[in-house]
N, C-alpha and C. Protein backbone atom coordinates (compact mmCIF):
# COMPACT_ATOMS: atom_id res chain seq x y z
N MET A 1 -48.83 48.37 -60.65
CA MET A 1 -48.59 48.16 -61.91
C MET A 1 -48.83 49.29 -62.65
N PRO A 2 -47.89 49.93 -63.35
CA PRO A 2 -48.02 50.81 -64.34
C PRO A 2 -49.06 50.95 -65.50
N THR A 3 -49.72 51.93 -65.46
CA THR A 3 -51.11 52.35 -66.59
C THR A 3 -50.52 53.45 -67.10
N SER A 4 -51.10 53.89 -68.22
CA SER A 4 -51.03 54.80 -68.69
C SER A 4 -52.74 55.25 -69.10
N VAL A 5 -52.74 56.69 -69.12
CA VAL A 5 -54.19 57.09 -69.33
C VAL A 5 -53.91 58.27 -70.21
N ARG A 6 -54.45 58.47 -71.15
CA ARG A 6 -54.64 59.74 -71.76
C ARG A 6 -55.52 60.90 -71.68
N LEU A 7 -55.30 61.87 -71.03
CA LEU A 7 -56.47 62.80 -70.55
C LEU A 7 -56.41 64.21 -71.54
N ASP A 8 -57.87 64.50 -71.85
CA ASP A 8 -57.65 66.32 -72.51
C ASP A 8 -57.15 67.19 -71.57
N PRO A 9 -56.79 68.15 -72.22
CA PRO A 9 -56.34 68.90 -71.35
C PRO A 9 -57.07 69.83 -69.98
N GLU A 10 -58.33 69.86 -70.33
CA GLU A 10 -59.25 70.22 -69.17
C GLU A 10 -59.29 69.23 -68.31
N THR A 11 -59.39 68.03 -68.62
CA THR A 11 -59.39 66.83 -67.68
C THR A 11 -58.20 66.91 -66.94
N GLU A 12 -56.80 67.01 -67.51
CA GLU A 12 -55.48 67.05 -66.80
C GLU A 12 -55.53 68.45 -65.86
N ALA A 13 -55.82 69.49 -66.07
CA ALA A 13 -55.87 70.63 -65.37
C ALA A 13 -56.85 70.32 -64.21
N LEU A 14 -57.91 69.51 -64.40
CA LEU A 14 -58.68 69.42 -63.15
C LEU A 14 -58.33 68.28 -62.33
N LEU A 15 -57.36 67.34 -63.00
CA LEU A 15 -56.81 66.37 -61.87
C LEU A 15 -55.56 66.95 -61.03
N ARG A 16 -54.94 68.09 -61.76
CA ARG A 16 -53.62 68.78 -60.93
C ARG A 16 -54.16 69.59 -59.67
N ARG A 17 -55.40 70.10 -60.30
CA ARG A 17 -55.75 71.28 -59.05
C ARG A 17 -56.23 70.28 -58.02
N LEU A 18 -57.38 69.06 -58.22
CA LEU A 18 -57.59 68.32 -57.33
C LEU A 18 -56.42 67.89 -56.48
N ALA A 19 -55.33 67.53 -57.26
CA ALA A 19 -54.26 66.83 -56.43
C ALA A 19 -53.62 67.94 -55.56
N ARG A 20 -53.50 69.19 -56.29
CA ARG A 20 -52.74 70.24 -55.18
C ARG A 20 -53.51 70.63 -53.88
N ARG A 21 -54.65 70.83 -54.66
CA ARG A 21 -55.97 71.24 -53.31
C ARG A 21 -55.91 69.88 -52.29
N SER A 22 -55.86 68.67 -52.48
CA SER A 22 -55.80 67.80 -51.59
C SER A 22 -54.61 67.37 -51.00
N GLY A 23 -53.57 67.47 -51.57
CA GLY A 23 -52.07 67.36 -51.14
C GLY A 23 -51.90 65.87 -51.36
N ARG A 24 -52.38 65.40 -52.55
CA ARG A 24 -52.50 63.86 -52.55
C ARG A 24 -51.96 63.84 -54.42
N THR A 25 -51.50 62.60 -54.60
CA THR A 25 -50.69 62.42 -56.05
C THR A 25 -51.85 62.45 -56.97
N LYS A 26 -51.76 62.55 -58.16
CA LYS A 26 -52.38 62.61 -59.18
C LYS A 26 -53.15 60.66 -59.27
N SER A 27 -51.97 59.84 -58.97
CA SER A 27 -52.14 58.77 -58.73
C SER A 27 -53.53 58.09 -57.69
N GLU A 28 -53.10 58.83 -56.78
CA GLU A 28 -53.72 58.69 -55.60
C GLU A 28 -55.40 58.96 -55.89
N ILE A 29 -55.96 60.34 -56.72
CA ILE A 29 -56.92 60.82 -56.91
C ILE A 29 -57.52 59.77 -57.97
N ILE A 30 -56.94 59.38 -58.98
CA ILE A 30 -57.63 58.36 -59.81
C ILE A 30 -57.75 57.04 -59.22
N ARG A 31 -57.17 56.69 -58.40
CA ARG A 31 -57.37 55.35 -57.66
C ARG A 31 -58.46 55.59 -56.59
N ASP A 32 -58.42 56.74 -56.11
CA ASP A 32 -59.66 56.92 -55.19
C ASP A 32 -60.92 57.21 -56.05
N ALA A 33 -60.75 57.63 -57.34
CA ALA A 33 -62.21 57.95 -58.07
C ALA A 33 -62.75 56.78 -58.32
N LEU A 34 -61.88 55.69 -59.06
CA LEU A 34 -62.05 54.47 -59.74
C LEU A 34 -62.81 53.59 -58.41
N GLN A 35 -62.14 53.59 -57.01
CA GLN A 35 -63.02 53.17 -56.02
C GLN A 35 -64.12 53.49 -55.76
N ARG A 36 -64.32 54.88 -55.87
CA ARG A 36 -65.80 55.09 -55.31
C ARG A 36 -66.66 54.98 -56.25
N MET A 37 -66.32 55.08 -57.76
CA MET A 37 -67.30 54.55 -58.88
C MET A 37 -67.71 53.09 -58.52
N ALA A 38 -66.74 52.27 -58.41
CA ALA A 38 -66.73 50.81 -57.94
C ALA A 38 -67.62 50.61 -57.21
N ALA A 39 -67.62 51.47 -56.03
CA ALA A 39 -68.64 50.98 -54.54
C ALA A 39 -69.78 51.98 -55.12
N GLY A 40 -69.97 52.77 -56.18
CA GLY A 40 -71.28 53.52 -56.32
C GLY A 40 -71.31 54.79 -55.41
N THR A 41 -70.18 55.22 -54.91
CA THR A 41 -70.29 56.51 -54.04
C THR A 41 -69.57 57.42 -54.86
N PHE A 42 -69.69 57.46 -55.83
CA PHE A 42 -68.72 58.90 -56.62
C PHE A 42 -69.66 60.18 -56.66
N GLU A 43 -69.50 60.53 -55.28
CA GLU A 43 -70.06 61.65 -54.97
C GLU A 43 -69.03 62.71 -54.38
N ALA A 44 -68.97 63.87 -55.33
CA ALA A 44 -68.22 64.97 -54.94
C ALA A 44 -68.41 65.52 -53.45
N ALA A 45 -66.94 65.26 -52.56
CA ALA A 45 -67.33 65.72 -51.24
C ALA A 45 -67.02 67.22 -50.91
N GLU A 46 -67.91 67.81 -50.12
CA GLU A 46 -67.80 69.15 -49.94
C GLU A 46 -66.90 69.59 -49.23
N PRO A 47 -66.32 70.91 -49.70
CA PRO A 47 -65.13 71.45 -48.95
C PRO A 47 -65.73 71.83 -47.59
N ALA A 48 -64.17 71.76 -46.94
CA ALA A 48 -64.32 71.80 -45.57
C ALA A 48 -64.67 73.27 -45.04
N SER A 49 -63.97 74.31 -46.16
CA SER A 49 -64.15 75.69 -45.70
C SER A 49 -64.32 76.35 -47.09
N LEU A 50 -64.50 77.85 -47.12
CA LEU A 50 -64.72 78.20 -48.22
C LEU A 50 -63.43 78.56 -48.75
N TYR A 51 -62.09 78.72 -48.20
CA TYR A 51 -61.01 78.60 -48.55
C TYR A 51 -60.58 77.60 -49.44
N GLU A 52 -61.00 76.52 -48.79
CA GLU A 52 -60.68 75.07 -49.60
C GLU A 52 -61.35 74.83 -50.90
N ALA A 53 -62.58 75.91 -50.85
CA ALA A 53 -63.49 75.73 -52.11
C ALA A 53 -62.53 76.37 -53.35
N ILE A 54 -62.30 77.48 -53.06
CA ILE A 54 -61.46 78.36 -53.87
C ILE A 54 -59.69 78.07 -53.96
N SER A 55 -59.18 77.55 -53.12
CA SER A 55 -57.68 77.50 -53.11
C SER A 55 -56.76 77.43 -54.33
N ASP A 56 -57.62 76.37 -55.09
CA ASP A 56 -56.76 76.62 -56.51
C ASP A 56 -56.91 77.87 -57.32
N LEU A 57 -57.51 78.77 -56.85
CA LEU A 57 -58.05 80.15 -57.41
C LEU A 57 -56.73 81.02 -56.75
N VAL A 58 -56.32 80.68 -55.68
CA VAL A 58 -55.85 81.78 -55.04
C VAL A 58 -54.46 82.25 -55.84
N GLY A 59 -53.89 83.54 -55.55
CA GLY A 59 -52.73 83.86 -56.64
C GLY A 59 -52.79 83.86 -57.94
N ILE A 60 -54.09 83.49 -58.82
CA ILE A 60 -53.90 83.17 -60.17
C ILE A 60 -53.81 84.57 -60.78
N ALA A 61 -54.34 85.68 -60.39
CA ALA A 61 -54.35 87.00 -60.96
C ALA A 61 -53.50 88.10 -60.24
N ASP A 62 -53.28 89.00 -61.27
CA ASP A 62 -52.53 90.05 -60.88
C ASP A 62 -53.55 90.81 -60.00
N ASP A 63 -53.04 91.70 -59.10
CA ASP A 63 -53.87 92.55 -58.02
C ASP A 63 -53.60 93.82 -58.18
N GLY A 64 -53.09 94.35 -59.03
CA GLY A 64 -52.64 95.55 -59.80
C GLY A 64 -52.17 96.48 -58.66
N ALA A 65 -52.39 97.75 -58.47
CA ALA A 65 -51.42 98.40 -57.90
C ALA A 65 -51.44 98.18 -55.93
N GLU A 66 -50.55 98.24 -55.52
CA GLU A 66 -50.29 98.04 -54.12
C GLU A 66 -51.35 98.63 -53.05
N ASP A 67 -51.07 99.86 -53.40
CA ASP A 67 -52.34 100.73 -52.39
C ASP A 67 -53.52 101.18 -53.09
N LEU A 68 -53.84 100.25 -53.89
CA LEU A 68 -55.16 100.57 -54.49
C LEU A 68 -56.37 100.82 -53.50
N SER A 69 -56.53 100.20 -52.34
CA SER A 69 -57.72 100.18 -51.40
C SER A 69 -57.20 101.37 -50.55
N ALA A 70 -55.84 101.61 -50.32
CA ALA A 70 -55.53 103.14 -49.44
C ALA A 70 -55.83 103.95 -50.11
N LYS A 71 -55.57 104.35 -51.16
CA LYS A 71 -55.67 105.48 -52.25
C LYS A 71 -56.97 105.39 -53.06
N HIS A 72 -58.14 105.02 -52.58
CA HIS A 72 -58.91 104.66 -53.68
C HIS A 72 -59.60 106.07 -54.19
N LYS A 73 -59.73 106.66 -53.17
CA LYS A 73 -60.44 108.11 -53.13
C LYS A 73 -59.60 109.02 -53.86
N GLN A 74 -58.38 109.08 -53.77
CA GLN A 74 -57.62 110.05 -54.36
C GLN A 74 -57.60 109.58 -56.11
N ARG A 75 -57.43 108.29 -56.01
CA ARG A 75 -57.22 107.86 -57.58
C ARG A 75 -58.76 108.14 -58.62
N PHE A 76 -59.67 108.08 -57.45
CA PHE A 76 -61.07 108.38 -57.99
C PHE A 76 -60.91 109.83 -58.61
N ARG A 77 -60.68 110.65 -57.85
CA ARG A 77 -60.83 112.07 -57.91
C ARG A 77 -59.90 112.31 -59.17
N GLU A 78 -58.70 111.80 -59.12
CA GLU A 78 -57.80 112.42 -60.41
C GLU A 78 -58.24 111.81 -61.79
N LYS A 79 -59.16 110.62 -61.71
CA LYS A 79 -59.71 110.27 -62.88
C LYS A 79 -60.91 111.25 -63.33
N LEU A 80 -61.72 111.42 -62.43
CA LEU A 80 -62.53 112.17 -62.56
C LEU A 80 -61.94 113.85 -63.14
N HIS A 81 -60.78 114.31 -62.98
CA HIS A 81 -60.50 115.34 -62.84
C HIS A 81 -59.64 115.37 -64.44
N ARG A 82 -59.31 114.40 -64.54
CA ARG A 82 -58.71 113.95 -65.99
C ARG A 82 -59.87 114.10 -67.18
N ARG A 83 -60.79 113.70 -66.83
CA ARG A 83 -62.11 113.46 -67.83
C ARG A 83 -62.46 114.97 -67.81
N ARG A 84 -62.27 115.92 -67.05
CA ARG A 84 -62.61 117.22 -67.34
C ARG A 84 -62.05 118.12 -68.54
């Protein structure tokens, strides 16, 4: 049976991240949460791995220069030279 729920932007973003991270639909996440609350077991499950814990953050930032780690000494010297 279709049901509408209004969520604030932060809760909607959380729901999307949970669904993406678990590979389930938003509806499945909501049903599971309701069932856990009704059963009195609304505990957040521990992530299976560190990657699972941060998987929603992977790829959200620009990493800068491609050769940053390979040429860090050279870049540092260049910055020091420019300061002089």
